[in-house]
Amino acid sequence: MSTPERPVASPCVNICALDDDDICTGCQRTVEEITRWSRMSNDERRTVLGLCHERAKASGLVWMIGKTPGR
């Protein structure tokens, strides 16, 4: 019998404020993603985490090591 997979942890960082596009400035999730998180499968959660990372990169909050911002 295999051990069930642990739930993927929420990216919440307790900085809960929405920007003009209704994206949380702390975790980079949409309102819909935040409200659905507890009902998502781990695969859905991993997809959302990837989207959060892309949003953070696009907004300049995260940049890749070895890359110069703006290039």
PDB file of N, CA and C in Angstrom:
ATOM      1  N   MET A   1       0.846  -1.188   0.000  1.00  0.00           N
ATOM      2  CA  MET A   1       0.000   0.000   0.000  1.00  0.00           C
ATOM      3  C   MET A   1       0.886   1.243   0.000  1.00  0.00           C
ATOM      4  N   SER A   2       0.627   2.161  -0.914  1.00  0.00           N
ATOM      5  CA  SER A   2       1.466   3.358  -1.013  1.00  0.00           C
ATOM      6  C   SER A   2       0.913   4.474  -0.120  1.00  0.00           C
ATOM      7  N   THR A   3       1.815   5.330   0.301  1.00  0.00           N
ATOM      8  CA  THR A   3       1.439   6.477   1.126  1.00  0.00           C
ATOM      9  C   THR A   3       0.834   7.544   0.218  1.00  0.00           C
ATOM     10  N   PRO A   4      -0.304   8.106   0.599  1.00  0.00           N
ATOM     11  CA  PRO A   4      -0.896   9.154  -0.241  1.00  0.00           C
ATOM     12  C   PRO A   4       0.033  10.370  -0.338  1.00  0.00           C
ATOM     13  N   GLU A   5      -0.008  11.012  -1.484  1.00  0.00           N
ATOM     14  CA  GLU A   5       0.813  12.208  -1.704  1.00  0.00           C
ATOM     15  C   GLU A   5       0.325  13.338  -0.799  1.00  0.00           C
ATOM     16  N   ARG A   6       1.272  14.046  -0.203  1.00  0.00           N
ATOM     17  CA  ARG A   6       0.922  15.189   0.644  1.00  0.00           C
ATOM     18  C   ARG A   6       0.408  16.331  -0.226  1.00  0.00           C
ATOM     19  N   PRO A   7      -0.522  17.128   0.302  1.00  0.00           N
ATOM     20  CA  PRO A   7      -1.027  18.266  -0.475  1.00  0.00           C
ATOM     21  C   PRO A   7       0.089  19.270  -0.773  1.00  0.00           C
ATOM     22  N   VAL A   8       0.063  19.822  -1.967  1.00  0.00           N
ATOM     23  CA  VAL A   8       1.007  20.876  -2.343  1.00  0.00           C
ATOM     24  C   VAL A   8       0.668  22.104  -1.492  1.00  0.00           C
ATOM     25  N   ALA A   9       1.669  22.670  -0.848  1.00  0.00           N
ATOM     26  CA  ALA A   9       1.463  23.800   0.065  1.00  0.00           C
ATOM     27  C   ALA A   9       1.061  25.065  -0.683  1.00  0.00           C
ATOM     28  N   SER A  10       0.273  25.864  -0.028  1.00  0.00           N
ATOM     29  CA  SER A  10      -0.152  27.152  -0.572  1.00  0.00           C
ATOM     30  C   SER A  10       1.047  28.104  -0.675  1.00  0.00           C
ATOM     31  N   PRO A  11       1.076  28.931  -1.720  1.00  0.00           N
ATOM     32  CA  PRO A  11       2.151  29.915  -1.841  1.00  0.00           C
ATOM     33  C   PRO A  11       1.902  31.195  -1.040  1.00  0.00           C
ATOM     34  N   CYS A  12       0.847  31.218  -0.252  1.00  0.00           N
ATOM     35  CA  CYS A  12       0.500  32.417   0.513  1.00  0.00           C
ATOM     36  C   CYS A  12       1.669  32.850   1.405  1.00  0.00           C
ATOM     37  N   VAL A  13       1.971  34.143   1.364  1.00  0.00           N
ATOM     38  CA  VAL A  13       3.038  34.712   2.196  1.00  0.00           C
ATOM     39  C   VAL A  13       2.480  35.779   3.148  1.00  0.00           C
ATOM     40  N   ASN A  14       1.167  35.759   3.339  1.00  0.00           N
ATOM     41  CA  ASN A  14       0.479  36.685   4.244  1.00  0.00           C
ATOM     42  C   ASN A  14       0.668  38.150   3.880  1.00  0.00           C
ATOM     43  N   ILE A  15       0.812  38.418   2.587  1.00  0.00           N
ATOM     44  CA  ILE A  15       0.793  39.787   2.060  1.00  0.00           C
ATOM     45  C   ILE A  15      -0.380  39.804   1.089  1.00  0.00           C
ATOM     46  N   CYS A  16      -1.564  39.986   1.647  1.00  0.00           N
ATOM     47  CA  CYS A  16      -2.790  39.811   0.867  1.00  0.00           C
ATOM     48  C   CYS A  16      -3.320  41.158   0.391  1.00  0.00           C
ATOM     49  N   ALA A  17      -2.971  41.510  -0.830  1.00  0.00           N
ATOM     50  CA  ALA A  17      -3.455  42.744  -1.442  1.00  0.00           C
ATOM     51  C   ALA A  17      -3.552  42.493  -2.937  1.00  0.00           C
ATOM     52  N   LEU A  18      -4.655  42.919  -3.529  1.00  0.00           N
ATOM     53  CA  LEU A  18      -4.857  42.704  -4.959  1.00  0.00           C
ATOM     54  C   LEU A  18      -4.394  43.914  -5.751  1.00  0.00           C
ATOM     55  N   ASP A  19      -3.769  43.637  -6.885  1.00  0.00           N
ATOM     56  CA  ASP A  19      -3.376  44.730  -7.773  1.00  0.00           C
ATOM     57  C   ASP A  19      -4.547  45.077  -8.697  1.00  0.00           C
ATOM     58  N   ASP A  20      -4.317  45.929  -9.675  1.00  0.00           N
ATOM     59  CA  ASP A  20      -5.384  46.373 -10.581  1.00  0.00           C
ATOM     60  C   ASP A  20      -5.945  45.238 -11.437  1.00  0.00           C
ATOM     61  N   ASP A  21      -5.195  44.159 -11.579  1.00  0.00           N
ATOM     62  CA  ASP A  21      -5.648  43.002 -12.368  1.00  0.00           C
ATOM     63  C   ASP A  21      -6.221  41.900 -11.480  1.00  0.00           C
ATOM     64  N   ASP A  22      -6.472  42.218 -10.205  1.00  0.00           N
ATOM     65  CA  ASP A  22      -6.975  41.245  -9.218  1.00  0.00           C
ATOM     66  C   ASP A  22      -6.030  40.060  -9.036  1.00  0.00           C
ATOM     67  N   ILE A  23      -4.729  40.357  -9.051  1.00  0.00           N
ATOM     68  CA  ILE A  23      -3.690  39.372  -8.748  1.00  0.00           C
ATOM     69  C   ILE A  23      -3.133  39.742  -7.368  1.00  0.00           C
ATOM     70  N   CYS A  24      -2.996  38.757  -6.491  1.00  0.00           N
ATOM     71  CA  CYS A  24      -2.435  39.031  -5.167  1.00  0.00           C
ATOM     72  C   CYS A  24      -0.971  39.437  -5.306  1.00  0.00           C
ATOM     73  N   THR A  25      -0.603  40.539  -4.688  1.00  0.00           N
ATOM     74  CA  THR A  25       0.776  41.023  -4.789  1.00  0.00           C
ATOM     75  C   THR A  25       1.735  40.167  -3.971  1.00  0.00           C
ATOM     76  N   GLY A  26       1.209  39.386  -3.045  1.00  0.00           N
ATOM     77  CA  GLY A  26       2.063  38.519  -2.235  1.00  0.00           C
ATOM     78  C   GLY A  26       2.376  37.196  -2.912  1.00  0.00           C
ATOM     79  N   CYS A  27       1.333  36.463  -3.305  1.00  0.00           N
ATOM     80  CA  CYS A  27       1.537  35.114  -3.850  1.00  0.00           C
ATOM     81  C   CYS A  27       1.396  35.026  -5.362  1.00  0.00           C
ATOM     82  N   GLN A  28       0.891  36.073  -5.990  1.00  0.00           N
ATOM     83  CA  GLN A  28       0.723  36.129  -7.442  1.00  0.00           C
ATOM     84  C   GLN A  28      -0.401  35.235  -7.965  1.00  0.00           C
ATOM     85  N   ARG A  29      -1.334  34.848  -7.083  1.00  0.00           N
ATOM     86  CA  ARG A  29      -2.491  34.080  -7.543  1.00  0.00           C
ATOM     87  C   ARG A  29      -3.656  35.015  -7.845  1.00  0.00           C
ATOM     88  N   THR A  30      -4.540  34.571  -8.746  1.00  0.00           N
ATOM     89  CA  THR A  30      -5.776  35.297  -9.008  1.00  0.00           C
ATOM     90  C   THR A  30      -6.750  35.018  -7.864  1.00  0.00           C
ATOM     91  N   VAL A  31      -7.781  35.831  -7.765  1.00  0.00           N
ATOM     92  CA  VAL A  31      -8.800  35.623  -6.745  1.00  0.00           C
ATOM     93  C   VAL A  31      -9.407  34.226  -6.911  1.00  0.00           C
ATOM     94  N   GLU A  32      -9.675  33.837  -8.140  1.00  0.00           N
ATOM     95  CA  GLU A  32     -10.273  32.523  -8.410  1.00  0.00           C
ATOM     96  C   GLU A  32      -9.341  31.400  -7.957  1.00  0.00           C
ATOM     97  N   GLU A  33      -8.051  31.552  -8.214  1.00  0.00           N
ATOM     98  CA  GLU A  33      -7.082  30.532  -7.795  1.00  0.00           C
ATOM     99  C   GLU A  33      -7.003  30.431  -6.272  1.00  0.00           C
ATOM    100  N   ILE A  34      -7.077  31.578  -5.604  1.00  0.00           N
ATOM    101  CA  ILE A  34      -7.028  31.599  -4.138  1.00  0.00           C
ATOM    102  C   ILE A  34      -8.264  30.898  -3.569  1.00  0.00           C
ATOM    103  N   THR A  35      -9.433  31.233  -4.084  1.00  0.00           N
ATOM    104  CA  THR A  35     -10.661  30.674  -3.530  1.00  0.00           C
ATOM    105  C   THR A  35     -10.818  29.191  -3.844  1.00  0.00           C
ATOM    106  N   ARG A  36     -10.278  28.721  -4.951  1.00  0.00           N
ATOM    107  CA  ARG A  36     -10.382  27.308  -5.328  1.00  0.00           C
ATOM    108  C   ARG A  36      -9.261  26.438  -4.764  1.00  0.00           C
ATOM    109  N   TRP A  37      -8.192  27.031  -4.220  1.00  0.00           N
ATOM    110  CA  TRP A  37      -6.992  26.291  -3.820  1.00  0.00           C
ATOM    111  C   TRP A  37      -7.310  25.042  -2.996  1.00  0.00           C
ATOM    112  N   SER A  38      -8.141  25.166  -2.001  1.00  0.00           N
ATOM    113  CA  SER A  38      -8.413  24.031  -1.105  1.00  0.00           C
ATOM    114  C   SER A  38      -9.131  22.882  -1.812  1.00  0.00           C
ATOM    115  N   ARG A  39      -9.750  23.154  -2.953  1.00  0.00           N
ATOM    116  CA  ARG A  39     -10.464  22.120  -3.696  1.00  0.00           C
ATOM    117  C   ARG A  39      -9.683  21.619  -4.912  1.00  0.00           C
ATOM    118  N   MET A  40      -8.482  22.155  -5.136  1.00  0.00           N
ATOM    119  CA  MET A  40      -7.676  21.751  -6.299  1.00  0.00           C
ATOM    120  C   MET A  40      -6.921  20.456  -6.029  1.00  0.00           C
ATOM    121  N   SER A  41      -6.689  19.715  -7.105  1.00  0.00           N
ATOM    122  CA  SER A  41      -5.806  18.546  -7.014  1.00  0.00           C
ATOM    123  C   SER A  41      -4.363  19.045  -6.958  1.00  0.00           C
ATOM    124  N   ASN A  42      -3.452  18.172  -6.588  1.00  0.00           N
ATOM    125  CA  ASN A  42      -2.040  18.561  -6.561  1.00  0.00           C
ATOM    126  C   ASN A  42      -1.554  18.966  -7.950  1.00  0.00           C
ATOM    127  N   ASP A  43      -2.016  18.300  -8.997  1.00  0.00           N
ATOM    128  CA  ASP A  43      -1.614  18.686 -10.355  1.00  0.00           C
ATOM    129  C   ASP A  43      -2.089  20.098 -10.680  1.00  0.00           C
ATOM    130  N   GLU A  44      -3.333  20.413 -10.304  1.00  0.00           N
ATOM    131  CA  GLU A  44      -3.840  21.773 -10.529  1.00  0.00           C
ATOM    132  C   GLU A  44      -3.016  22.787  -9.731  1.00  0.00           C
ATOM    133  N   ARG A  45      -2.683  22.445  -8.506  1.00  0.00           N
ATOM    134  CA  ARG A  45      -1.895  23.351  -7.667  1.00  0.00           C
ATOM    135  C   ARG A  45      -0.518  23.591  -8.272  1.00  0.00           C
ATOM    136  N   ARG A  46       0.109  22.555  -8.799  1.00  0.00           N
ATOM    137  CA  ARG A  46       1.422  22.726  -9.440  1.00  0.00           C
ATOM    138  C   ARG A  46       1.318  23.634 -10.666  1.00  0.00           C
ATOM    139  N   THR A  47       0.238  23.490 -11.413  1.00  0.00           N
ATOM    140  CA  THR A  47       0.021  24.370 -12.570  1.00  0.00           C
ATOM    141  C   THR A  47      -0.093  25.815 -12.113  1.00  0.00           C
ATOM    142  N   VAL A  48      -0.870  26.059 -11.064  1.00  0.00           N
ATOM    143  CA  VAL A  48      -1.040  27.414 -10.531  1.00  0.00           C
ATOM    144  C   VAL A  48       0.297  27.969 -10.044  1.00  0.00           C
ATOM    145  N   LEU A  49       1.100  27.149  -9.361  1.00  0.00           N
ATOM    146  CA  LEU A  49       2.406  27.618  -8.893  1.00  0.00           C
ATOM    147  C   LEU A  49       3.279  28.050 -10.067  1.00  0.00           C
ATOM    148  N   GLY A  50       3.209  27.313 -11.172  1.00  0.00           N
ATOM    149  CA  GLY A  50       3.956  27.703 -12.368  1.00  0.00           C
ATOM    150  C   GLY A  50       3.470  29.034 -12.914  1.00  0.00           C
ATOM    151  N   LEU A  51       2.149  29.221 -12.928  1.00  0.00           N
ATOM    152  CA  LEU A  51       1.586  30.491 -13.391  1.00  0.00           C
ATOM    153  C   LEU A  51       2.011  31.632 -12.472  1.00  0.00           C
ATOM    154  N   CYS A  52       2.028  31.379 -11.167  1.00  0.00           N
ATOM    155  CA  CYS A  52       2.456  32.402 -10.206  1.00  0.00           C
ATOM    156  C   CYS A  52       3.906  32.811 -10.479  1.00  0.00           C
ATOM    157  N   HIS A  53       4.745  31.830 -10.745  1.00  0.00           N
ATOM    158  CA  HIS A  53       6.150  32.119 -11.024  1.00  0.00           C
ATOM    159  C   HIS A  53       6.280  32.952 -12.300  1.00  0.00           C
ATOM    160  N   GLU A  54       5.524  32.592 -13.333  1.00  0.00           N
ATOM    161  CA  GLU A  54       5.565  33.366 -14.583  1.00  0.00           C
ATOM    162  C   GLU A  54       5.073  34.792 -14.362  1.00  0.00           C
ATOM    163  N   ARG A  55       4.023  34.952 -13.562  1.00  0.00           N
ATOM    164  CA  ARG A  55       3.518  36.304 -13.263  1.00  0.00           C
ATOM    165  C   ARG A  55       4.557  37.110 -12.501  1.00  0.00           C
ATOM    166  N   ALA A  56       5.223  36.474 -11.551  1.00  0.00           N
ATOM    167  CA  ALA A  56       6.252  37.172 -10.769  1.00  0.00           C
ATOM    168  C   ALA A  56       7.405  37.596 -11.665  1.00  0.00           C
ATOM    169  N   LYS A  57       7.818  36.724 -12.589  1.00  0.00           N
ATOM    170  CA  LYS A  57       8.894  37.087 -13.529  1.00  0.00           C
ATOM    171  C   LYS A  57       8.452  38.235 -14.430  1.00  0.00           C
ATOM    172  N   ALA A  58       7.229  38.152 -14.945  1.00  0.00           N
ATOM    173  CA  ALA A  58       6.732  39.185 -15.864  1.00  0.00           C
ATOM    174  C   ALA A  58       6.623  40.547 -15.180  1.00  0.00           C
ATOM    175  N   SER A  59       6.340  40.550 -13.880  1.00  0.00           N
ATOM    176  CA  SER A  59       6.197  41.820 -13.174  1.00  0.00           C
ATOM    177  C   SER A  59       7.516  42.324 -12.604  1.00  0.00           C
ATOM    178  N   GLY A  60       8.590  41.546 -12.786  1.00  0.00           N
ATOM    179  CA  GLY A  60       9.897  41.968 -12.295  1.00  0.00           C
ATOM    180  C   GLY A  60      10.174  41.588 -10.851  1.00  0.00           C
ATOM    181  N   LEU A  61       9.256  40.828 -10.235  1.00  0.00           N
ATOM    182  CA  LEU A  61       9.476  40.413  -8.845  1.00  0.00           C
ATOM    183  C   LEU A  61      10.515  39.306  -8.739  1.00  0.00           C
ATOM    184  N   VAL A  62      10.619  38.516  -9.785  1.00  0.00           N
ATOM    185  CA  VAL A  62      11.576  37.398  -9.818  1.00  0.00           C
ATOM    186  C   VAL A  62      12.288  37.467 -11.155  1.00  0.00           C
ATOM    187  N   TRP A  63      13.593  37.275 -11.144  1.00  0.00           N
ATOM    188  CA  TRP A  63      14.325  37.166 -12.396  1.00  0.00           C
ATOM    189  C   TRP A  63      15.271  36.008 -12.298  1.00  0.00           C
ATOM    190  N   MET A  64      15.633  35.500 -13.431  1.00  0.00           N
ATOM    191  CA  MET A  64      16.453  34.297 -13.489  1.00  0.00           C
ATOM    192  C   MET A  64      17.904  34.630 -13.229  1.00  0.00           C
ATOM    193  N   ILE A  65      18.572  33.804 -12.455  1.00  0.00           N
ATOM    194  CA  ILE A  65      19.993  33.977 -12.182  1.00  0.00           C
ATOM    195  C   ILE A  65      20.759  33.869 -13.494  1.00  0.00           C
ATOM    196  N   GLY A  66      21.697  34.770 -13.695  1.00  0.00           N
ATOM    197  CA  GLY A  66      22.487  34.755 -14.920  1.00  0.00           C
ATOM    198  C   GLY A  66      21.886  35.592 -16.023  1.00  0.00           C
ATOM    199  N   LYS A  67      20.691  36.112 -15.803  1.00  0.00           N
ATOM    200  CA  LYS A  67      20.051  36.978 -16.797  1.00  0.00           C
ATOM    201  C   LYS A  67      20.048  38.409 -16.272  1.00  0.00           C
ATOM    202  N   THR A  68      20.210  39.335 -17.162  1.00  0.00           N
ATOM    203  CA  THR A  68      20.159  40.739 -16.790  1.00  0.00           C
ATOM    204  C   THR A  68      18.725  41.213 -16.916  1.00  0.00           C
ATOM    205  N   PRO A  69      18.150  41.823 -15.854  1.00  0.00           N
ATOM    206  CA  PRO A  69      16.783  42.324 -15.958  1.00  0.00           C
ATOM    207  C   PRO A  69      16.628  43.253 -17.154  1.00  0.00           C
ATOM    208  N   GLY A  70      15.498  43.117 -17.847  1.00  0.00           N
ATOM    209  CA  GLY A  70      15.230  43.947 -18.997  1.00  0.00           C
ATOM    210  C   GLY A  70      15.777  43.405 -20.309  1.00  0.00           C
ATOM    211  N   ARG A  71      16.415  42.258 -20.269  1.00  0.00           N
ATOM    212  CA  ARG A  71      16.936  41.666 -21.509  1.00  0.00           C
ATOM    213  C   ARG A  71      16.225  40.404 -21.859  1.00  0.00           C
TER     214      ARG A  71
END
